[in-house]
Amino acid sequence: MSESDSASTQSRTCVSCGIDISGTNAAAFACPECGTRIYRCSKCRKQSNLYECPDCGFTGP
């Protein structure tokens, strides 16, 4: 597996709980601090679980 394959696989997981979000009703947005693409599953969004950007460490609700 190449680095790009690894990065794309990692980016398809919920940043809060780590589940694979492929084919689910997940949200994708840019980190407010650094612009990194962040994915969150609908369950974590509904529960307002905290998330942390894997690149800069920004945390949000």
Protein backbone atom coordinates (compact mmCIF):
# COMPACT_ATOMS: atom_id res chain seq x y z
CA MET A 1 0.00 0.00 0.00
CA SER A 2 1.43 3.39 -0.97
CA GLU A 3 1.44 6.48 1.25
CA SER A 4 -1.42 8.06 -0.72
CA ASP A 5 -3.54 4.91 -0.32
CA SER A 6 -2.88 4.94 3.41
CA ALA A 7 -3.77 8.62 3.71
CA SER A 8 -7.04 8.26 1.78
CA THR A 9 -8.06 5.26 3.89
CA GLN A 10 -7.28 7.14 7.09
CA SER A 11 -9.25 10.21 5.93
CA ARG A 12 -12.42 8.13 5.56
CA THR A 13 -12.73 7.50 9.27
CA CYS A 14 -14.64 9.54 11.83
CA VAL A 15 -12.11 11.72 13.63
CA SER A 16 -14.09 11.35 16.89
CA CYS A 17 -14.76 7.60 17.12
CA GLY A 18 -12.62 6.12 14.33
CA ILE A 19 -15.31 4.14 12.47
CA ASP A 20 -15.19 3.79 8.69
CA ILE A 21 -17.62 6.38 7.33
CA SER A 22 -17.72 5.13 3.73
CA GLY A 23 -21.33 4.97 2.57
CA THR A 24 -22.73 6.69 5.66
CA ASN A 25 -24.30 10.06 6.35
CA ALA A 26 -21.04 11.66 7.47
CA ALA A 27 -20.00 15.30 7.48
CA ALA A 28 -16.82 16.47 5.80
CA PHE A 29 -15.38 19.89 6.52
CA ALA A 30 -12.11 21.80 6.67
CA CYS A 31 -10.36 22.30 10.00
CA PRO A 32 -10.94 25.92 11.10
CA GLU A 33 -7.24 26.30 11.96
CA CYS A 34 -5.27 24.56 9.21
CA GLY A 35 -7.78 23.51 6.53
CA THR A 36 -7.20 19.73 6.81
CA ARG A 37 -10.24 17.71 5.67
CA ILE A 38 -12.07 16.28 8.72
CA TYR A 39 -14.79 13.62 8.64
CA ARG A 40 -17.35 12.96 11.39
CA CYS A 41 -20.05 10.29 11.54
CA SER A 42 -23.68 11.26 12.11
CA LYS A 43 -23.71 9.69 15.58
CA CYS A 44 -20.77 11.77 16.83
CA ARG A 45 -22.25 14.93 15.31
CA LYS A 46 -25.62 14.26 16.93
CA GLN A 47 -24.00 13.63 20.33
CA SER A 48 -21.69 16.67 19.92
CA ASN A 49 -18.65 14.51 20.64
CA LEU A 50 -15.37 16.42 20.67
CA TYR A 51 -12.98 16.04 17.76
CA GLU A 52 -9.30 16.83 17.32
CA CYS A 53 -7.60 17.71 14.05
CA PRO A 54 -4.94 15.08 13.36
CA ASP A 55 -2.60 17.70 11.84
CA CYS A 56 -2.72 20.77 14.10
CA GLY A 57 -4.48 19.53 17.25
CA PHE A 58 -7.43 21.96 17.04
CA THR A 59 -10.38 20.64 19.09
CA GLY A 60 -14.04 21.38 18.54
CA PRO A 61 -17.50 20.21 19.49
